[in-house]
Amino acid sequence: MQISLATTAYFCNMGGNSFGKIFSLTSFGESHGSAIGGVIDGCPPGFSISQEAIQKQLARRRPGQSAISTQRNEEDQVEFLSGLMDGETTGTPIGFLIRNKDQKSTDYDALKNVYRPSHADFTYEAKYGIRDHRGGGRASARETIARVVAGSIAELVLKSLDVKIVAWVSRVGNIEMSNPQGPYSRLEVDQHLVRCPDPESAQLMESAIELVRDEGDSLGGIITCRIDGVPAGWGDPVFDKLHADLGKAMLSINAVKGFSIGSGFESVSMKGSEHNDEFISTDQGISTSSNHSGGIQGGISNGQPIWFQVAFKPVASISKTQQTINRDGQAQSLDIKGRHDPCVVPRAVPIVESMAALVLIDHWLRTRAINQA
């Protein structure tokens, strides 16, 4: 097969496996391959990196952590191959691996020629002409482990700038906590398996997840994220708006179907006089009397807390019998085997935090480059 130069350039540079302009992550690997990994480029030198802090975030994302998550048992131990020396960043590319150790690929043998409802099976095959049916290949949420490693490194750098990122589950199915905007600490978030910091709501959510798990079904939910400490001036006013990049980052996460910042869709029911964030003077400087903007105005941070919500659909892999077709277009019943989350949002909390960190560190570096020019 002859491949044009334009096609080669596309696959080399535009394959959708990289994220970020200055601080960038390129991830690789499949759910049932030998490993998931990545290369981080553009990380500034001289920052202390705690592998313990990275492993803590990986443990929050890892499978098999509780009765309401998938029972795939992976240690998710990261191995750094380059870019760190004596616990500090050197400014060179940071290469890392997380080896897959608990694959059960035979669970997916029956899916080789079948399209699972609401999965990427059909679309991957339509695009590439081939697909990895073992756990979804690159379409599997296991790919997000590379994002958590890179995001954890980004977050450690941001902490030196007093930027704090905390996400939590604010809704599962029809169960919504009473104060979804927070603020909350990670300690409060992690007190409950479902990662909802409100004890009463958390108990109801866990019960709802256990019920659908026993029914062989699944539930969706909403994760709220709040970011404190971002000064005014990060972001760009046109195509690279800070909230636009946050939206792209969140919508790139598996199962995400919606993103809203600040008042979001609720703003349509408000008048301008109700929605406008009036400026006020405080002992700490210029502030606003409300934060319907979610900390970003004109695509640029205004110094207020950045807060947004991310909506996750119900997990597509359920054990109930479903109807579908195979590659030949023949109708057939489908019973999906394997180990799957009945609700993905508890394990997605560190993924949301990590993607937010990747966006913020990239915009910090862009702003720093402009100011130093």
Protein backbone atom coordinates (compact mmCIF):
# COMPACT_ATOMS: atom_id res chain seq x y z
CA MET A 1 0.00 0.00 0.00
CA GLN A 2 1.35 3.42 -0.98
CA ILE A 3 1.11 6.16 1.68
CA SER A 4 1.32 9.84 0.76
CA LEU A 5 3.50 12.36 2.60
CA ALA A 6 0.36 14.10 3.85
CA THR A 7 -0.93 10.85 5.32
CA THR A 8 2.43 10.17 6.96
CA ALA A 9 2.44 13.64 8.49
CA TYR A 10 -1.06 13.08 9.87
CA PHE A 11 -0.19 9.85 11.62
CA CYS A 12 3.11 11.24 12.94
CA ASN A 13 1.75 14.52 14.28
CA MET A 14 -2.03 14.46 14.36
CA GLY A 15 -3.02 11.02 15.57
CA GLY A 16 -4.71 12.41 18.68
CA ASN A 17 -2.34 10.72 21.13
CA SER A 18 -0.73 13.93 22.43
CA PHE A 19 -2.09 16.71 24.65
CA GLY A 20 -0.66 20.15 25.46
CA LYS A 21 1.45 22.75 23.66
CA ILE A 22 4.42 23.42 25.96
CA PHE A 23 3.89 20.83 28.70
CA SER A 24 2.78 17.89 26.58
CA LEU A 25 1.84 14.27 27.17
CA THR A 26 1.96 11.55 24.53
CA SER A 27 0.43 8.31 25.77
CA PHE A 28 0.66 4.79 24.36
CA GLY A 29 -0.53 1.27 25.08
CA GLU A 30 -3.72 -0.77 25.16
CA SER A 31 -5.88 -2.21 27.91
CA HIS A 32 -4.68 -5.78 27.31
CA GLY A 33 -1.23 -5.01 25.93
CA SER A 34 1.94 -5.39 27.96
CA ALA A 35 1.89 -1.85 29.36
CA ILE A 36 0.43 1.63 29.35
CA GLY A 37 2.94 4.45 29.20
CA GLY A 38 3.72 7.96 28.18
CA VAL A 39 6.30 10.62 27.41
CA ILE A 40 6.04 14.04 29.04
CA ASP A 41 7.88 16.86 27.30
CA GLY A 42 8.30 20.47 28.38
CA CYS A 43 8.36 19.91 32.14
CA PRO A 44 10.63 22.60 33.64
CA PRO A 45 13.79 21.44 35.42
CA GLY A 46 14.47 21.64 39.13
CA PHE A 47 11.10 20.62 40.54
CA SER A 48 10.94 17.94 43.24
CA ILE A 49 8.73 15.01 42.24
CA SER A 50 7.36 12.68 44.90
CA GLN A 51 6.73 9.20 43.53
CA GLU A 52 4.67 8.55 46.66
CA ALA A 53 2.29 11.39 45.71
CA ILE A 54 1.99 10.02 42.18
CA GLN A 55 1.27 6.51 43.46
CA LYS A 56 -1.39 7.91 45.78
CA GLN A 57 -3.26 9.38 42.82
CA LEU A 58 -2.81 6.14 40.86
CA ALA A 59 -4.26 4.21 43.81
CA ARG A 60 -7.35 6.43 43.71
CA ARG A 61 -7.83 5.54 40.02
CA ARG A 62 -6.78 1.88 40.11
CA PRO A 63 -9.28 -0.96 39.55
CA GLY A 64 -10.21 -3.37 42.31
CA GLN A 65 -10.09 -0.71 45.04
CA SER A 66 -13.59 -1.27 46.40
CA ALA A 67 -16.79 -3.31 46.11
CA ILE A 68 -18.35 -0.67 43.82
CA SER A 69 -15.57 -0.75 41.20
CA THR A 70 -14.32 -3.29 38.67
CA GLN A 71 -12.52 -6.24 40.26
CA ARG A 72 -9.62 -6.25 37.80
CA ASN A 73 -6.62 -6.38 40.15
CA GLU A 74 -3.78 -4.15 38.96
CA GLU A 75 -1.01 -2.74 41.16
CA ASP A 76 -0.53 0.21 38.78
CA GLN A 77 3.07 0.76 39.84
CA VAL A 78 4.73 3.45 37.72
CA GLU A 79 8.28 2.97 36.44
CA PHE A 80 10.16 6.11 35.40
CA LEU A 81 12.60 5.59 32.55
CA SER A 82 13.98 9.09 32.04
CA GLY A 83 13.70 12.76 32.91
CA LEU A 84 14.16 12.47 36.69
CA MET A 85 17.37 12.47 38.71
CA ASP A 86 17.50 12.25 42.50
CA GLY A 87 13.79 13.02 42.62
CA GLU A 88 14.01 16.19 40.53
CA THR A 89 12.95 17.02 37.00
CA THR A 90 15.89 17.54 34.63
CA GLY A 91 14.00 19.34 31.87
CA THR A 92 14.38 16.38 29.50
CA PRO A 93 11.50 14.12 28.38
CA ILE A 94 10.02 12.08 31.22
CA GLY A 95 9.32 8.54 30.04
CA PHE A 96 7.28 6.14 32.16
CA LEU A 97 5.55 2.74 32.10
CA ILE A 98 2.76 1.03 34.02
CA ARG A 99 2.74 -2.69 33.26
CA ASN A 100 -0.54 -4.58 32.80
CA LYS A 101 -0.50 -7.70 34.96
CA ASP A 102 -4.11 -8.87 35.34
CA GLN A 103 -5.42 -9.08 31.78
CA LYS A 104 -8.03 -11.73 31.03
CA SER A 105 -8.21 -11.38 27.27
CA THR A 106 -10.17 -14.60 26.85
CA ASP A 107 -13.14 -12.79 28.42
CA TYR A 108 -13.36 -10.87 25.15
CA ASP A 109 -13.02 -13.70 22.61
CA ALA A 110 -16.73 -13.67 21.86
CA LEU A 111 -16.58 -9.95 20.98
CA LYS A 112 -14.08 -10.23 18.14
CA ASN A 113 -16.74 -9.95 15.42
CA VAL A 114 -19.49 -8.21 17.38
CA TYR A 115 -20.22 -4.52 17.92
CA ARG A 116 -21.00 -3.71 21.55
CA PRO A 117 -23.73 -1.06 22.03
CA SER A 118 -22.37 2.44 22.79
CA HIS A 119 -18.74 1.26 22.60
CA ALA A 120 -16.05 2.34 20.13
CA ASP A 121 -16.00 -1.05 18.37
CA PHE A 122 -17.83 0.02 15.22
CA THR A 123 -16.30 3.51 14.96
CA TYR A 124 -12.71 2.29 15.48
CA GLU A 125 -13.19 -0.29 12.77
CA ALA A 126 -14.76 2.29 10.48
CA LYS A 127 -11.72 4.55 10.93
CA TYR A 128 -8.81 2.10 11.01
CA GLY A 129 -10.20 -1.04 9.38
CA ILE A 130 -8.99 -3.00 12.40
CA ARG A 131 -9.59 -2.93 16.15
CA ASP A 132 -8.31 -4.48 19.35
CA HIS A 133 -11.34 -6.24 20.80
CA ARG A 134 -9.54 -7.12 24.06
CA GLY A 135 -11.02 -4.70 26.56
CA GLY A 136 -11.41 -2.01 23.93
CA GLY A 137 -7.71 -1.48 23.20
CA ARG A 138 -6.90 2.24 23.14
CA ALA A 139 -10.57 3.08 23.68
CA SER A 140 -10.40 1.52 27.15
CA ALA A 141 -10.44 3.79 30.18
CA ARG A 142 -7.20 2.06 31.20
CA GLU A 143 -5.46 4.55 28.87
CA THR A 144 -6.26 7.27 31.41
CA ILE A 145 -3.62 5.90 33.77
CA ALA A 146 -1.01 7.75 31.70
CA ARG A 147 -2.95 10.96 32.20
CA VAL A 148 -2.92 10.48 35.97
CA VAL A 149 0.87 10.07 36.03
CA ALA A 150 1.42 13.17 33.89
CA GLY A 151 -1.27 15.14 35.71
CA SER A 152 0.21 14.23 39.08
CA ILE A 153 3.59 15.59 37.99
CA ALA A 154 1.89 18.74 36.69
CA GLU A 155 0.03 19.09 39.99
CA LEU A 156 3.24 18.81 42.02
CA VAL A 157 4.68 21.71 40.00
CA LEU A 158 1.45 23.72 40.40
CA LYS A 159 1.50 23.18 44.17
CA SER A 160 4.72 25.18 44.29
CA LEU A 161 2.63 28.03 42.86
CA ASP A 162 -0.05 27.49 45.57
CA VAL A 163 -2.56 26.12 43.05
CA LYS A 164 -4.91 23.57 44.62
CA ILE A 165 -7.13 21.17 42.63
CA VAL A 166 -9.87 19.09 44.28
CA ALA A 167 -12.64 17.14 42.53
CA TRP A 168 -15.50 15.12 43.99
CA VAL A 169 -18.61 13.18 43.01
CA SER A 170 -21.58 15.52 43.32
CA ARG A 171 -24.19 13.32 41.66
CA VAL A 172 -24.86 9.65 40.88
CA GLY A 173 -27.99 8.90 38.87
CA ASN A 174 -30.76 11.02 40.40
CA ILE A 175 -28.97 11.45 43.75
CA GLU A 176 -27.39 14.91 44.07
CA MET A 177 -25.56 16.34 47.07
CA SER A 178 -26.96 19.53 48.62
CA ASN A 179 -23.80 21.67 48.34
CA PRO A 180 -22.11 20.55 45.12
CA GLN A 181 -19.84 23.63 44.81
CA GLY A 182 -17.75 23.05 47.95
CA PRO A 183 -15.02 23.79 48.76
CA TYR A 184 -13.87 20.41 50.07
CA SER A 185 -10.53 18.79 50.84
CA ARG A 186 -9.32 15.51 49.37
CA LEU A 187 -9.42 14.10 52.87
CA GLU A 188 -13.15 14.81 53.02
CA VAL A 189 -13.65 13.43 49.49
CA ASP A 190 -11.83 10.16 50.19
CA GLN A 191 -13.72 9.35 53.39
CA HIS A 192 -16.34 7.58 51.29
CA LEU A 193 -15.97 4.87 48.61
CA VAL A 194 -18.03 6.89 46.14
CA ARG A 195 -15.83 10.00 46.72
CA CYS A 196 -18.77 12.22 47.64
CA PRO A 197 -17.83 14.43 50.63
CA ASP A 198 -21.41 14.60 51.95
CA PRO A 199 -21.94 11.52 54.21
CA GLU A 200 -25.70 11.25 53.69
CA SER A 201 -25.52 11.60 49.91
CA ALA A 202 -22.53 9.25 49.75
CA GLN A 203 -24.46 6.48 51.49
CA LEU A 204 -27.39 6.85 49.11
CA MET A 205 -25.07 6.86 46.10
CA GLU A 206 -23.24 3.74 47.23
CA SER A 207 -26.52 1.92 47.77
CA ALA A 208 -27.71 2.92 44.30
CA ILE A 209 -24.48 1.67 42.70
CA GLU A 210 -24.66 -1.63 44.57
CA LEU A 211 -28.25 -2.08 43.39
CA VAL A 212 -27.48 -1.58 39.69
CA ARG A 213 -24.41 -3.79 40.03
CA ASP A 214 -26.58 -6.62 41.32
CA GLU A 215 -29.01 -5.97 38.46
CA GLY A 216 -26.19 -6.18 35.91
CA ASP A 217 -26.70 -2.54 34.97
CA SER A 218 -24.86 0.76 35.41
CA LEU A 219 -25.27 4.41 36.44
CA GLY A 220 -23.79 7.74 35.34
CA GLY A 221 -22.92 10.75 37.45
CA ILE A 222 -21.37 14.20 37.76
CA ILE A 223 -17.95 15.20 39.07
CA THR A 224 -17.45 18.76 40.30
CA CYS A 225 -13.94 20.24 40.33
CA ARG A 226 -12.73 23.37 42.13
CA ILE A 227 -9.35 25.01 41.57
CA ASP A 228 -8.01 27.61 44.00
CA GLY A 229 -4.91 29.77 43.68
CA VAL A 230 -4.88 30.47 39.95
CA PRO A 231 -4.03 34.18 39.57
CA ALA A 232 -5.67 36.51 37.09
CA GLY A 233 -4.16 36.34 33.61
CA TRP A 234 -3.90 32.67 32.61
CA GLY A 235 -5.50 31.75 29.28
CA ASP A 236 -5.98 33.29 25.86
CA PRO A 237 -8.99 35.26 24.57
CA VAL A 238 -9.79 33.55 21.25
CA PHE A 239 -9.29 29.90 20.27
CA ASP A 240 -7.26 28.89 23.33
CA LYS A 241 -9.63 30.14 26.01
CA LEU A 242 -8.80 28.58 29.37
CA HIS A 243 -12.29 27.17 29.79
CA ALA A 244 -12.28 25.89 26.18
CA ASP A 245 -9.11 23.92 26.86
CA LEU A 246 -10.58 22.62 30.13
CA GLY A 247 -13.68 21.57 28.19
CA LYS A 248 -11.61 19.73 25.59
CA ALA A 249 -9.58 18.03 28.31
CA MET A 250 -12.66 16.81 30.16
CA LEU A 251 -14.52 15.73 27.03
CA SER A 252 -11.48 13.64 26.04
CA ILE A 253 -12.04 11.43 29.11
CA ASN A 254 -13.86 8.15 28.46
CA ALA A 255 -17.63 8.24 29.08
CA VAL A 256 -17.81 12.05 29.44
CA LYS A 257 -20.89 13.53 27.78
CA GLY A 258 -21.04 17.04 29.16
CA PHE A 259 -18.98 19.94 30.52
CA SER A 260 -20.17 23.15 32.14
CA ILE A 261 -18.24 25.92 33.89
CA GLY A 262 -19.58 28.26 36.53
CA SER A 263 -23.33 28.69 36.18
CA GLY A 264 -23.18 26.71 32.92
CA PHE A 265 -26.56 25.78 31.47
CA GLU A 266 -28.31 27.33 34.48
CA SER A 267 -27.24 30.76 33.20
CA VAL A 268 -29.92 30.68 30.48
CA SER A 269 -32.63 31.08 33.14
CA MET A 270 -30.94 34.15 34.66
CA LYS A 271 -31.06 37.79 33.69
CA GLY A 272 -27.86 39.68 32.97
CA SER A 273 -28.34 41.70 36.15
CA GLU A 274 -28.49 38.44 38.10
CA HIS A 275 -25.63 36.70 36.33
CA ASN A 276 -23.03 39.48 36.13
CA ASP A 277 -20.16 39.14 38.61
CA GLU A 278 -19.69 42.66 39.98
CA PHE A 279 -16.16 43.73 40.84
CA ILE A 280 -15.35 44.71 44.41
CA SER A 281 -12.26 45.86 46.27
CA THR A 282 -10.99 43.73 49.18
CA ASP A 283 -7.94 43.68 51.45
CA GLN A 284 -6.52 41.02 49.11
CA GLY A 285 -7.12 43.13 46.00
CA ILE A 286 -9.74 43.08 43.24
CA SER A 287 -12.42 40.40 43.60
CA THR A 288 -16.01 39.76 42.53
CA SER A 289 -19.20 39.63 44.60
CA SER A 290 -20.30 36.37 42.92
CA ASN A 291 -18.67 33.72 40.73
CA HIS A 292 -21.15 32.75 38.04
CA SER A 293 -18.25 32.95 35.56
CA GLY A 294 -16.51 30.04 37.27
CA GLY A 295 -13.26 31.98 37.66
CA ILE A 296 -12.76 32.65 33.95
CA GLN A 297 -13.87 35.68 31.93
CA GLY A 298 -13.08 36.26 28.27
CA GLY A 299 -11.16 32.99 28.27
CA ILE A 300 -8.71 34.29 30.91
CA SER A 301 -8.63 33.52 34.64
CA ASN A 302 -9.85 36.38 36.85
CA GLY A 303 -8.30 35.23 40.15
CA GLN A 304 -11.48 33.69 41.56
CA PRO A 305 -11.87 29.94 42.19
CA ILE A 306 -12.29 28.02 38.94
CA TRP A 307 -15.12 25.53 39.20
CA PHE A 308 -16.75 23.28 36.65
CA GLN A 309 -18.81 20.11 36.33
CA VAL A 310 -18.25 17.01 34.19
CA ALA A 311 -21.09 14.63 33.28
CA PHE A 312 -20.36 10.92 32.82
CA LYS A 313 -22.77 8.57 31.03
CA PRO A 314 -23.68 5.16 32.48
CA VAL A 315 -20.95 2.61 31.80
CA ALA A 316 -21.62 0.93 28.44
CA SER A 317 -20.37 -2.53 29.52
CA ILE A 318 -23.28 -4.15 31.36
CA SER A 319 -24.03 -7.80 32.00
CA LYS A 320 -27.66 -7.63 30.90
CA THR A 321 -28.47 -9.30 27.59
CA GLN A 322 -28.50 -6.75 24.75
CA GLN A 323 -29.27 -6.81 21.05
CA THR A 324 -26.67 -5.91 18.45
CA ILE A 325 -25.23 -7.01 15.09
CA ASN A 326 -21.99 -8.63 13.97
CA ARG A 327 -19.60 -7.66 11.16
CA ASP A 328 -21.85 -9.40 8.64
CA GLY A 329 -24.83 -7.31 9.72
CA GLN A 330 -26.59 -10.26 11.33
CA ALA A 331 -28.63 -9.57 14.46
CA GLN A 332 -27.65 -11.42 17.61
CA SER A 333 -27.99 -11.33 21.37
CA LEU A 334 -24.98 -10.18 23.36
CA ASP A 335 -23.89 -11.10 26.88
CA ILE A 336 -20.78 -9.12 27.83
CA LYS A 337 -18.27 -10.92 30.04
CA GLY A 338 -15.35 -9.39 31.89
CA ARG A 339 -14.93 -7.07 34.87
CA HIS A 340 -16.49 -3.63 34.64
CA ASP A 341 -17.44 -0.69 36.86
CA PRO A 342 -21.15 -0.33 37.62
CA CYS A 343 -20.44 3.42 37.93
CA VAL A 344 -17.23 5.01 36.74
CA VAL A 345 -17.36 8.35 38.56
CA PRO A 346 -15.64 7.36 41.86
CA ARG A 347 -12.53 6.23 39.98
CA ALA A 348 -12.72 9.16 37.54
CA VAL A 349 -12.15 11.81 40.23
CA PRO A 350 -8.31 11.72 39.97
CA ILE A 351 -8.58 11.65 36.16
CA VAL A 352 -10.55 14.92 36.20
CA GLU A 353 -8.01 16.44 38.59
CA SER A 354 -5.13 15.28 36.40
CA MET A 355 -6.55 16.65 33.16
CA ALA A 356 -7.23 19.97 34.90
CA ALA A 357 -3.60 20.04 36.06
CA LEU A 358 -2.34 19.38 32.52
CA VAL A 359 -4.35 22.31 31.18
CA LEU A 360 -3.29 24.67 33.96
CA ILE A 361 0.43 23.93 33.82
CA ASP A 362 0.41 24.40 30.05
CA HIS A 363 -1.29 27.79 30.37
CA TRP A 364 1.06 28.81 33.19
CA LEU A 365 4.05 28.03 30.98
CA ARG A 366 2.47 29.94 28.07
CA THR A 367 1.87 32.97 30.32
CA ARG A 368 5.40 32.76 31.72
CA ALA A 369 6.84 32.62 28.20
CA ILE A 370 4.94 35.78 27.20
CA ASN A 371 5.98 37.65 30.35
CA GLN A 372 9.63 36.71 29.87
CA ALA A 373 9.68 37.54 26.15
